[in-house]
Amino acid sequence: SLPISLLQSAVLLVHPANIIWVWLFSWSAIIGTTLFKV
């Protein structure tokens, strides 16, 4: 989650957009990455 959190924060701060879609994509990436590693 650490690099994903940093990336999504940078995206939101540099290019303001609809937060919910950025969060949803990031949450999916966190869950997907964790499950893949396991």
PDB file of all heavy atoms in Angstrom:
ATOM      1  N   SER A   1       0.808  -1.225   0.000  1.00  0.00           N
ATOM      2  CA  SER A   1       0.000   0.000   0.000  1.00  0.00           C
ATOM      3  C   SER A   1       0.842   1.276   0.000  1.00  0.00           C
ATOM      4  O   SER A   1       0.374   2.319  -0.466  1.00  0.00           O
ATOM      5  CB  SER A   1      -0.934   0.012   1.220  1.00  0.00           C
ATOM      6  OG  SER A   1      -0.203   0.176   2.423  1.00  0.00           O
ATOM      7  N   LEU A   2       2.085   1.211   0.512  1.00  0.00           N
ATOM      8  CA  LEU A   2       2.897   2.423   0.638  1.00  0.00           C
ATOM      9  C   LEU A   2       3.148   3.122  -0.700  1.00  0.00           C
ATOM     10  O   LEU A   2       2.823   4.308  -0.851  1.00  0.00           O
ATOM     11  CB  LEU A   2       4.214   2.088   1.346  1.00  0.00           C
ATOM     12  CG  LEU A   2       4.111   1.832   2.850  1.00  0.00           C
ATOM     13  CD1 LEU A   2       5.469   1.418   3.422  1.00  0.00           C
ATOM     14  CD2 LEU A   2       3.581   3.061   3.573  1.00  0.00           C
ATOM     15  N   PRO A   3       3.710   2.443  -1.694  1.00  0.00           N
ATOM     16  CA  PRO A   3       3.932   3.145  -2.967  1.00  0.00           C
ATOM     17  C   PRO A   3       2.628   3.549  -3.645  1.00  0.00           C
ATOM     18  O   PRO A   3       2.564   4.591  -4.306  1.00  0.00           O
ATOM     19  CB  PRO A   3       4.707   2.120  -3.807  1.00  0.00           C
ATOM     20  CG  PRO A   3       4.380   0.799  -3.205  1.00  0.00           C
ATOM     21  CD  PRO A   3       4.208   1.051  -1.746  1.00  0.00           C
ATOM     22  N   ILE A   4       1.592   2.738  -3.467  1.00  0.00           N
ATOM     23  CA  ILE A   4       0.303   3.072  -4.084  1.00  0.00           C
ATOM     24  C   ILE A   4      -0.286   4.320  -3.437  1.00  0.00           C
ATOM     25  O   ILE A   4      -0.830   5.201  -4.121  1.00  0.00           O
ATOM     26  CB  ILE A   4      -0.668   1.880  -3.957  1.00  0.00           C
ATOM     27  CG1 ILE A   4      -0.120   0.687  -4.754  1.00  0.00           C
ATOM     28  CG2 ILE A   4      -2.061   2.259  -4.450  1.00  0.00           C
ATOM     29  CD1 ILE A   4      -0.914  -0.592  -4.576  1.00  0.00           C
ATOM     30  N   SER A   5      -0.154   4.431  -2.112  1.00  0.00           N
ATOM     31  CA  SER A   5      -0.652   5.617  -1.404  1.00  0.00           C
ATOM     32  C   SER A   5       0.088   6.874  -1.840  1.00  0.00           C
ATOM     33  O   SER A   5      -0.517   7.932  -2.052  1.00  0.00           O
ATOM     34  CB  SER A   5      -0.505   5.424   0.106  1.00  0.00           C
ATOM     35  OG  SER A   5      -1.298   4.351   0.566  1.00  0.00           O
ATOM     36  N   LEU A   6       1.408   6.753  -1.969  1.00  0.00           N
ATOM     37  CA  LEU A   6       2.196   7.906  -2.406  1.00  0.00           C
ATOM     38  C   LEU A   6       1.815   8.324  -3.818  1.00  0.00           C
ATOM     39  O   LEU A   6       1.672   9.523  -4.114  1.00  0.00           O
ATOM     40  CB  LEU A   6       3.687   7.566  -2.341  1.00  0.00           C
ATOM     41  CG  LEU A   6       4.274   7.362  -0.934  1.00  0.00           C
ATOM     42  CD1 LEU A   6       5.713   6.888  -1.019  1.00  0.00           C
ATOM     43  CD2 LEU A   6       4.178   8.652  -0.125  1.00  0.00           C
ATOM     44  N   LEU A   7       1.621   7.342  -4.685  1.00  0.00           N
ATOM     45  CA  LEU A   7       1.273   7.640  -6.071  1.00  0.00           C
ATOM     46  C   LEU A   7      -0.097   8.301  -6.182  1.00  0.00           C
ATOM     47  O   LEU A   7      -0.255   9.301  -6.891  1.00  0.00           O
ATOM     48  CB  LEU A   7       1.312   6.359  -6.907  1.00  0.00           C
ATOM     49  CG  LEU A   7       0.937   6.512  -8.389  1.00  0.00           C
ATOM     50  CD1 LEU A   7       1.910   7.473  -9.071  1.00  0.00           C
ATOM     51  CD2 LEU A   7       0.933   5.158  -9.080  1.00  0.00           C
ATOM     52  N   GLN A   8      -1.076   7.768  -5.460  1.00  0.00           N
ATOM     53  CA  GLN A   8      -2.415   8.343  -5.563  1.00  0.00           C
ATOM     54  C   GLN A   8      -2.463   9.736  -4.945  1.00  0.00           C
ATOM     55  O   GLN A   8      -3.172  10.617  -5.469  1.00  0.00           O
ATOM     56  CB  GLN A   8      -3.454   7.433  -4.913  1.00  0.00           C
ATOM     57  CG  GLN A   8      -3.339   7.304  -3.401  1.00  0.00           C
ATOM     58  CD  GLN A   8      -4.446   6.454  -2.814  1.00  0.00           C
ATOM     59  OE1 GLN A   8      -5.597   6.613  -3.192  1.00  0.00           O
ATOM     60  NE2 GLN A   8      -4.098   5.544  -1.914  1.00  0.00           N
ATOM     61  N   SER A   9      -1.711   9.978  -3.872  1.00  0.00           N
ATOM     62  CA  SER A   9      -1.658  11.311  -3.286  1.00  0.00           C
ATOM     63  C   SER A   9      -1.051  12.306  -4.260  1.00  0.00           C
ATOM     64  O   SER A   9      -1.538  13.431  -4.407  1.00  0.00           O
ATOM     65  CB  SER A   9      -0.846  11.289  -1.985  1.00  0.00           C
ATOM     66  OG  SER A   9      -1.443  10.446  -1.026  1.00  0.00           O
ATOM     67  N   ALA A  10       0.029  11.876  -4.948  1.00  0.00           N
ATOM     68  CA  ALA A  10       0.666  12.758  -5.926  1.00  0.00           C
ATOM     69  C   ALA A  10      -0.280  13.071  -7.083  1.00  0.00           C
ATOM     70  O   ALA A  10      -0.369  14.221  -7.532  1.00  0.00           O
ATOM     71  CB  ALA A  10       1.940  12.094  -6.455  1.00  0.00           C
ATOM     72  N   VAL A  11      -1.023  12.071  -7.531  1.00  0.00           N
ATOM     73  CA  VAL A  11      -1.965  12.284  -8.630  1.00  0.00           C
ATOM     74  C   VAL A  11      -3.047  13.267  -8.232  1.00  0.00           C
ATOM     75  O   VAL A  11      -3.400  14.188  -8.986  1.00  0.00           O
ATOM     76  CB  VAL A  11      -2.589  10.939  -9.068  1.00  0.00           C
ATOM     77  CG1 VAL A  11      -3.749  11.177 -10.031  1.00  0.00           C
ATOM     78  CG2 VAL A  11      -1.533  10.051  -9.713  1.00  0.00           C
ATOM     79  N   LEU A  12      -3.571  13.112  -7.017  1.00  0.00           N
ATOM     80  CA  LEU A  12      -4.653  13.980  -6.567  1.00  0.00           C
ATOM     81  C   LEU A  12      -4.179  15.417  -6.348  1.00  0.00           C
ATOM     82  O   LEU A  12      -4.929  16.367  -6.579  1.00  0.00           O
ATOM     83  CB  LEU A  12      -5.254  13.428  -5.278  1.00  0.00           C
ATOM     84  CG  LEU A  12      -6.062  12.137  -5.430  1.00  0.00           C
ATOM     85  CD1 LEU A  12      -6.438  11.572  -4.070  1.00  0.00           C
ATOM     86  CD2 LEU A  12      -7.320  12.383  -6.260  1.00  0.00           C
ATOM     87  N   LEU A  13      -2.938  15.566  -5.894  1.00  0.00           N
ATOM     88  CA  LEU A  13      -2.431  16.901  -5.607  1.00  0.00           C
ATOM     89  C   LEU A  13      -1.991  17.635  -6.880  1.00  0.00           C
ATOM     90  O   LEU A  13      -2.167  18.853  -7.000  1.00  0.00           O
ATOM     91  CB  LEU A  13      -1.262  16.818  -4.626  1.00  0.00           C
ATOM     92  CG  LEU A  13      -1.643  16.343  -3.213  1.00  0.00           C
ATOM     93  CD1 LEU A  13      -0.393  16.132  -2.373  1.00  0.00           C
ATOM     94  CD2 LEU A  13      -2.558  17.350  -2.540  1.00  0.00           C
ATOM     95  N   VAL A  14      -1.422  16.879  -7.821  1.00  0.00           N
ATOM     96  CA  VAL A  14      -0.949  17.514  -9.048  1.00  0.00           C
ATOM     97  C   VAL A  14      -2.098  17.769 -10.017  1.00  0.00           C
ATOM     98  O   VAL A  14      -2.185  18.822 -10.649  1.00  0.00           O
ATOM     99  CB  VAL A  14       0.129  16.630  -9.720  1.00  0.00           C
ATOM    100  CG1 VAL A  14       0.508  17.193 -11.084  1.00  0.00           C
ATOM    101  CG2 VAL A  14       1.353  16.534  -8.821  1.00  0.00           C
ATOM    102  N   HIS A  15      -2.988  16.797 -10.126  1.00  0.00           N
ATOM    103  CA  HIS A  15      -4.101  16.925 -11.072  1.00  0.00           C
ATOM    104  C   HIS A  15      -5.402  16.585 -10.342  1.00  0.00           C
ATOM    105  O   HIS A  15      -5.854  15.439 -10.350  1.00  0.00           O
ATOM    106  CB  HIS A  15      -3.897  15.992 -12.259  1.00  0.00           C
ATOM    107  CG  HIS A  15      -4.987  16.092 -13.279  1.00  0.00           C
ATOM    108  ND1 HIS A  15      -5.187  17.218 -14.040  1.00  0.00           N
ATOM    109  CD2 HIS A  15      -5.950  15.211 -13.651  1.00  0.00           C
ATOM    110  CE1 HIS A  15      -6.224  17.027 -14.839  1.00  0.00           C
ATOM    111  NE2 HIS A  15      -6.702  15.805 -14.618  1.00  0.00           N
ATOM    112  N   PRO A  16      -6.015  17.564  -9.692  1.00  0.00           N
ATOM    113  CA  PRO A  16      -7.255  17.308  -8.953  1.00  0.00           C
ATOM    114  C   PRO A  16      -8.301  16.636  -9.854  1.00  0.00           C
ATOM    115  O   PRO A  16      -8.571  17.057 -10.958  1.00  0.00           O
ATOM    116  CB  PRO A  16      -7.707  18.708  -8.531  1.00  0.00           C
ATOM    117  CG  PRO A  16      -6.455  19.509  -8.501  1.00  0.00           C
ATOM    118  CD  PRO A  16      -5.608  18.982  -9.621  1.00  0.00           C
ATOM    119  N   ALA A  17      -8.869  15.559  -9.344  1.00  0.00           N
ATOM    120  CA  ALA A  17      -9.875  14.818 -10.098  1.00  0.00           C
ATOM    121  C   ALA A  17     -10.900  14.286  -9.120  1.00  0.00           C
ATOM    122  O   ALA A  17     -10.845  14.587  -7.926  1.00  0.00           O
ATOM    123  CB  ALA A  17      -9.216  13.685 -10.878  1.00  0.00           C
ATOM    124  N   ASN A  18     -11.797  13.526  -9.610  1.00  0.00           N
ATOM    125  CA  ASN A  18     -12.780  12.902  -8.733  1.00  0.00           C
ATOM    126  C   ASN A  18     -12.069  11.891  -7.834  1.00  0.00           C
ATOM    127  O   ASN A  18     -11.595  10.856  -8.292  1.00  0.00           O
ATOM    128  CB  ASN A  18     -13.859  12.198  -9.569  1.00  0.00           C
ATOM    129  CG  ASN A  18     -15.050  11.814  -8.716  1.00  0.00           C
ATOM    130  OD1 ASN A  18     -14.901  11.495  -7.542  1.00  0.00           O
ATOM    131  ND2 ASN A  18     -16.225  11.848  -9.304  1.00  0.00           N
ATOM    132  N   ILE A  19     -12.025  12.180  -6.548  1.00  0.00           N
ATOM    133  CA  ILE A  19     -11.238  11.368  -5.623  1.00  0.00           C
ATOM    134  C   ILE A  19     -11.696   9.922  -5.584  1.00  0.00           C
ATOM    135  O   ILE A  19     -10.876   9.012  -5.508  1.00  0.00           O
ATOM    136  CB  ILE A  19     -11.312  11.976  -4.202  1.00  0.00           C
ATOM    137  CG1 ILE A  19     -10.613  13.325  -4.174  1.00  0.00           C
ATOM    138  CG2 ILE A  19     -10.669  11.047  -3.184  1.00  0.00           C
ATOM    139  CD1 ILE A  19     -10.678  13.991  -2.833  1.00  0.00           C
ATOM    140  N   ILE A  20     -12.998   9.717  -5.635  1.00  0.00           N
ATOM    141  CA  ILE A  20     -13.510   8.369  -5.421  1.00  0.00           C
ATOM    142  C   ILE A  20     -12.950   7.372  -6.422  1.00  0.00           C
ATOM    143  O   ILE A  20     -12.624   6.240  -6.085  1.00  0.00           O
ATOM    144  CB  ILE A  20     -15.060   8.372  -5.455  1.00  0.00           C
ATOM    145  CG1 ILE A  20     -15.601   6.993  -5.071  1.00  0.00           C
ATOM    146  CG2 ILE A  20     -15.574   8.800  -6.809  1.00  0.00           C
ATOM    147  CD1 ILE A  20     -15.222   6.554  -3.698  1.00  0.00           C
ATOM    148  N   TRP A  21     -12.796   7.803  -7.692  1.00  0.00           N
ATOM    149  CA  TRP A  21     -12.271   6.883  -8.703  1.00  0.00           C
ATOM    150  C   TRP A  21     -10.795   6.594  -8.477  1.00  0.00           C
ATOM    151  O   TRP A  21     -10.334   5.458  -8.701  1.00  0.00           O
ATOM    152  CB  TRP A  21     -12.499   7.459 -10.098  1.00  0.00           C
ATOM    153  CG  TRP A  21     -13.957   7.605 -10.416  1.00  0.00           C
ATOM    154  CD1 TRP A  21     -14.661   8.756 -10.569  1.00  0.00           C
ATOM    155  CD2 TRP A  21     -14.899   6.549 -10.569  1.00  0.00           C
ATOM    156  NE1 TRP A  21     -15.984   8.499 -10.808  1.00  0.00           N
ATOM    157  CE2 TRP A  21     -16.164   7.146 -10.821  1.00  0.00           C
ATOM    158  CE3 TRP A  21     -14.814   5.155 -10.526  1.00  0.00           C
ATOM    159  CZ2 TRP A  21     -17.316   6.399 -11.027  1.00  0.00           C
ATOM    160  CZ3 TRP A  21     -15.967   4.410 -10.734  1.00  0.00           C
ATOM    161  CH2 TRP A  21     -17.190   5.024 -10.984  1.00  0.00           C
ATOM    162  N   VAL A  22     -10.051   7.587  -8.034  1.00  0.00           N
ATOM    163  CA  VAL A  22      -8.629   7.369  -7.718  1.00  0.00           C
ATOM    164  C   VAL A  22      -8.506   6.411  -6.546  1.00  0.00           C
ATOM    165  O   VAL A  22      -7.676   5.487  -6.556  1.00  0.00           O
ATOM    166  CB  VAL A  22      -7.933   8.706  -7.400  1.00  0.00           C
ATOM    167  CG1 VAL A  22      -6.470   8.474  -7.013  1.00  0.00           C
ATOM    168  CG2 VAL A  22      -8.021   9.641  -8.596  1.00  0.00           C
ATOM    169  N   TRP A  23      -9.320   6.625  -5.514  1.00  0.00           N
ATOM    170  CA  TRP A  23      -9.291   5.726  -4.358  1.00  0.00           C
ATOM    171  C   TRP A  23      -9.683   4.306  -4.740  1.00  0.00           C
ATOM    172  O   TRP A  23      -9.035   3.347  -4.332  1.00  0.00           O
ATOM    173  CB  TRP A  23     -10.213   6.254  -3.263  1.00  0.00           C
ATOM    174  CG  TRP A  23      -9.559   7.292  -2.403  1.00  0.00           C
ATOM    175  CD1 TRP A  23      -8.227   7.525  -2.246  1.00  0.00           C
ATOM    176  CD2 TRP A  23     -10.222   8.252  -1.578  1.00  0.00           C
ATOM    177  NE1 TRP A  23      -8.024   8.568  -1.376  1.00  0.00           N
ATOM    178  CE2 TRP A  23      -9.218   9.032  -0.949  1.00  0.00           C
ATOM    179  CE3 TRP A  23     -11.561   8.533  -1.318  1.00  0.00           C
ATOM    180  CZ2 TRP A  23      -9.520  10.057  -0.066  1.00  0.00           C
ATOM    181  CZ3 TRP A  23     -11.866   9.569  -0.434  1.00  0.00           C
ATOM    182  CH2 TRP A  23     -10.853  10.322   0.181  1.00  0.00           C
ATOM    183  N   LEU A  24     -10.756   4.160  -5.504  1.00  0.00           N
ATOM    184  CA  LEU A  24     -11.208   2.822  -5.883  1.00  0.00           C
ATOM    185  C   LEU A  24     -10.132   2.065  -6.654  1.00  0.00           C
ATOM    186  O   LEU A  24      -9.902   0.870  -6.422  1.00  0.00           O
ATOM    187  CB  LEU A  24     -12.491   2.915  -6.709  1.00  0.00           C
ATOM    188  CG  LEU A  24     -13.775   3.265  -5.947  1.00  0.00           C
ATOM    189  CD1 LEU A  24     -14.934   3.448  -6.910  1.00  0.00           C
ATOM    190  CD2 LEU A  24     -14.097   2.194  -4.915  1.00  0.00           C
ATOM    191  N   PHE A  25      -9.476   2.752  -7.566  1.00  0.00           N
ATOM    192  CA  PHE A  25      -8.396   2.113  -8.321  1.00  0.00           C
ATOM    193  C   PHE A  25      -7.258   1.712  -7.387  1.00  0.00           C
ATOM    194  O   PHE A  25      -6.702   0.614  -7.501  1.00  0.00           O
ATOM    195  CB  PHE A  25      -7.883   3.067  -9.400  1.00  0.00           C
ATOM    196  CG  PHE A  25      -6.742   2.516 -10.202  1.00  0.00           C
ATOM    197  CD1 PHE A  25      -6.971   1.641 -11.254  1.00  0.00           C
ATOM    198  CD2 PHE A  25      -5.428   2.851  -9.885  1.00  0.00           C
ATOM    199  CE1 PHE A  25      -5.909   1.114 -11.991  1.00  0.00           C
ATOM    200  CE2 PHE A  25      -4.368   2.337 -10.615  1.00  0.00           C
ATOM    201  CZ  PHE A  25      -4.614   1.462 -11.670  1.00  0.00           C
ATOM    202  N   SER A  26      -6.913   2.601  -6.456  1.00  0.00           N
ATOM    203  CA  SER A  26      -5.804   2.321  -5.533  1.00  0.00           C
ATOM    204  C   SER A  26      -6.151   1.161  -4.600  1.00  0.00           C
ATOM    205  O   SER A  26      -5.308   0.294  -4.337  1.00  0.00           O
ATOM    206  CB  SER A  26      -5.480   3.570  -4.716  1.00  0.00           C
ATOM    207  OG  SER A  26      -5.111   4.641  -5.551  1.00  0.00           O
ATOM    208  N   TRP A  27      -7.381   1.138  -4.095  1.00  0.00           N
ATOM    209  CA  TRP A  27      -7.786   0.049  -3.199  1.00  0.00           C
ATOM    210  C   TRP A  27      -7.755  -1.285  -3.928  1.00  0.00           C
ATOM    211  O   TRP A  27      -7.306  -2.292  -3.371  1.00  0.00           O
ATOM    212  CB  TRP A  27      -9.186   0.319  -2.643  1.00  0.00           C
ATOM    213  CG  TRP A  27      -9.285   1.580  -1.840  1.00  0.00           C
ATOM    214  CD1 TRP A  27      -8.251   2.320  -1.337  1.00  0.00           C
ATOM    215  CD2 TRP A  27     -10.483   2.266  -1.465  1.00  0.00           C
ATOM    216  NE1 TRP A  27      -8.733   3.415  -0.669  1.00  0.00           N
ATOM    217  CE2 TRP A  27     -10.092   3.413  -0.732  1.00  0.00           C
ATOM    218  CE3 TRP A  27     -11.840   2.038  -1.676  1.00  0.00           C
ATOM    219  CZ2 TRP A  27     -11.025   4.308  -0.209  1.00  0.00           C
ATOM    220  CZ3 TRP A  27     -12.774   2.930  -1.152  1.00  0.00           C
ATOM    221  CH2 TRP A  27     -12.361   4.051  -0.420  1.00  0.00           C
ATOM    222  N   SER A  28      -8.218  -1.289  -5.167  1.00  0.00           N
ATOM    223  CA  SER A  28      -8.169  -2.524  -5.956  1.00  0.00           C
ATOM    224  C   SER A  28      -6.726  -2.969  -6.165  1.00  0.00           C
ATOM    225  O   SER A  28      -6.421  -4.170  -6.111  1.00  0.00           O
ATOM    226  CB  SER A  28      -8.854  -2.313  -7.307  1.00  0.00           C
ATOM    227  OG  SER A  28     -10.206  -1.936  -7.140  1.00  0.00           O
ATOM    228  N   ALA A  29      -5.828  -1.997  -6.389  1.00  0.00           N
ATOM    229  CA  ALA A  29      -4.414  -2.324  -6.591  1.00  0.00           C
ATOM    230  C   ALA A  29      -3.796  -2.908  -5.318  1.00  0.00           C
ATOM    231  O   ALA A  29      -3.002  -3.857  -5.388  1.00  0.00           O
ATOM    232  CB  ALA A  29      -3.647  -1.076  -7.032  1.00  0.00           C
ATOM    233  N   ILE A  30      -4.151  -2.361  -4.155  1.00  0.00           N
ATOM    234  CA  ILE A  30      -3.610  -2.871  -2.889  1.00  0.00           C
ATOM    235  C   ILE A  30      -4.042  -4.307  -2.660  1.00  0.00           C
ATOM    236  O   ILE A  30      -3.243  -5.193  -2.330  1.00  0.00           O
ATOM    237  CB  ILE A  30      -4.054  -1.978  -1.714  1.00  0.00           C
ATOM    238  CG1 ILE A  30      -3.394  -0.598  -1.802  1.00  0.00           C
ATOM    239  CG2 ILE A  30      -3.714  -2.636  -0.373  1.00  0.00           C
ATOM    240  CD1 ILE A  30      -3.926   0.402  -0.796  1.00  0.00           C
ATOM    241  N   ILE A  31      -5.339  -4.576  -2.821  1.00  0.00           N
ATOM    242  CA  ILE A  31      -5.856  -5.930  -2.607  1.00  0.00           C
ATOM    243  C   ILE A  31      -5.281  -6.894  -3.640  1.00  0.00           C
ATOM    244  O   ILE A  31      -4.830  -7.998  -3.307  1.00  0.00           O
ATOM    245  CB  ILE A  31      -7.396  -5.931  -2.668  1.00  0.00           C
ATOM    246  CG1 ILE A  31      -7.960  -5.125  -1.495  1.00  0.00           C
ATOM    247  CG2 ILE A  31      -7.937  -7.361  -2.640  1.00  0.00           C
ATOM    248  CD1 ILE A  31      -9.468  -4.972  -1.514  1.00  0.00           C
ATOM    249  N   GLY A  32      -5.263  -6.472  -4.906  1.00  0.00           N
ATOM    250  CA  GLY A  32      -4.749  -7.337  -5.957  1.00  0.00           C
ATOM    251  C   GLY A  32      -3.276  -7.663  -5.780  1.00  0.00           C
ATOM    252  O   GLY A  32      -2.860  -8.824  -5.939  1.00  0.00           O
ATOM    253  N   THR A  33      -2.475  -6.662  -5.436  1.00  0.00           N
ATOM    254  CA  THR A  33      -1.040  -6.880  -5.234  1.00  0.00           C
ATOM    255  C   THR A  33      -0.777  -7.817  -4.066  1.00  0.00           C
ATOM    256  O   THR A  33       0.066  -8.719  -4.137  1.00  0.00           O
ATOM    257  CB  THR A  33      -0.321  -5.538  -4.989  1.00  0.00           C
ATOM    258  OG1 THR A  33      -0.543  -4.667  -6.097  1.00  0.00           O
ATOM    259  CG2 THR A  33       1.174  -5.753  -4.798  1.00  0.00           C
ATOM    260  N   THR A  34      -1.507  -7.620  -2.972  1.00  0.00           N
ATOM    261  CA  THR A  34      -1.335  -8.475  -1.792  1.00  0.00           C
ATOM    262  C   THR A  34      -1.688  -9.920  -2.101  1.00  0.00           C
ATOM    263  O   THR A  34      -0.934 -10.848  -1.765  1.00  0.00           O
ATOM    264  CB  THR A  34      -2.214  -7.961  -0.636  1.00  0.00           C
ATOM    265  OG1 THR A  34      -1.882  -6.606  -0.342  1.00  0.00           O
ATOM    266  CG2 THR A  34      -2.006  -8.811   0.611  1.00  0.00           C
ATOM    267  N   LEU A  35      -2.819 -10.140  -2.734  1.00  0.00           N
ATOM    268  CA  LEU A  35      -3.239 -11.504  -3.056  1.00  0.00           C
ATOM    269  C   LEU A  35      -2.265 -12.167  -4.032  1.00  0.00           C
ATOM    270  O   LEU A  35      -1.972 -13.359  -3.916  1.00  0.00           O
ATOM    271  CB  LEU A  35      -4.648 -11.490  -3.645  1.00  0.00           C
ATOM    272  CG  LEU A  35      -5.763 -11.037  -2.689  1.00  0.00           C
ATOM    273  CD1 LEU A  35      -7.115 -11.088  -3.386  1.00  0.00           C
ATOM    274  CD2 LEU A  35      -5.792 -11.895  -1.426  1.00  0.00           C
ATOM    275  N   PHE A  36      -1.754 -11.392  -4.991  1.00  0.00           N
ATOM    276  CA  PHE A  36      -0.804 -11.964  -5.948  1.00  0.00           C
ATOM    277  C   PHE A  36       0.483 -12.397  -5.252  1.00  0.00           C
ATOM    278  O   PHE A  36       1.035 -13.462  -5.557  1.00  0.00           O
ATOM    279  CB  PHE A  36      -0.486 -10.950  -7.049  1.00  0.00           C
ATOM    280  CG  PHE A  36       0.556 -11.431  -8.013  1.00  0.00           C
ATOM    281  CD1 PHE A  36       0.249 -12.366  -8.990  1.00  0.00           C
ATOM    282  CD2 PHE A  36       1.872 -10.957  -7.929  1.00  0.00           C
ATOM    283  CE1 PHE A  36       1.214 -12.824  -9.873  1.00  0.00           C
ATOM    284  CE2 PHE A  36       2.837 -11.420  -8.808  1.00  0.00           C
ATOM    285  CZ  PHE A  36       2.513 -12.349  -9.782  1.00  0.00           C
ATOM    286  N   LYS A  37       0.979 -11.572  -4.316  1.00  0.00           N
ATOM    287  CA  LYS A  37       2.211 -11.923  -3.607  1.00  0.00           C
ATOM    288  C   LYS A  37       2.031 -13.197  -2.791  1.00  0.00           C
ATOM    289  O   LYS A  37       2.935 -14.035  -2.721  1.00  0.00           O
ATOM    290  CB  LYS A  37       2.648 -10.760  -2.706  1.00  0.00           C
ATOM    291  CG  LYS A  37       3.214  -9.573  -3.473  1.00  0.00           C
ATOM    292  CD  LYS A  37       3.728  -8.499  -2.515  1.00  0.00           C
ATOM    293  CE  LYS A  37       4.374  -7.358  -3.289  1.00  0.00           C
ATOM    294  NZ  LYS A  37       4.901  -6.304  -2.378  1.00  0.00           N
ATOM    295  N   VAL A  38       0.853 -13.340  -2.166  1.00  0.00           N
ATOM    296  CA  VAL A  38       0.591 -14.547  -1.383  1.00  0.00           C
ATOM    297  C   VAL A  38       0.452 -15.756  -2.306  1.00  0.00           C
ATOM    298  O   VAL A  38       0.980 -16.834  -2.026  1.00  0.00           O
ATOM    299  CB  VAL A  38      -0.677 -14.352  -0.527  1.00  0.00           C
ATOM    300  CG1 VAL A  38      -1.097 -15.661   0.127  1.00  0.00           C
ATOM    301  CG2 VAL A  38      -0.431 -13.298   0.543  1.00  0.00           C
TER     302      VAL A  38
END
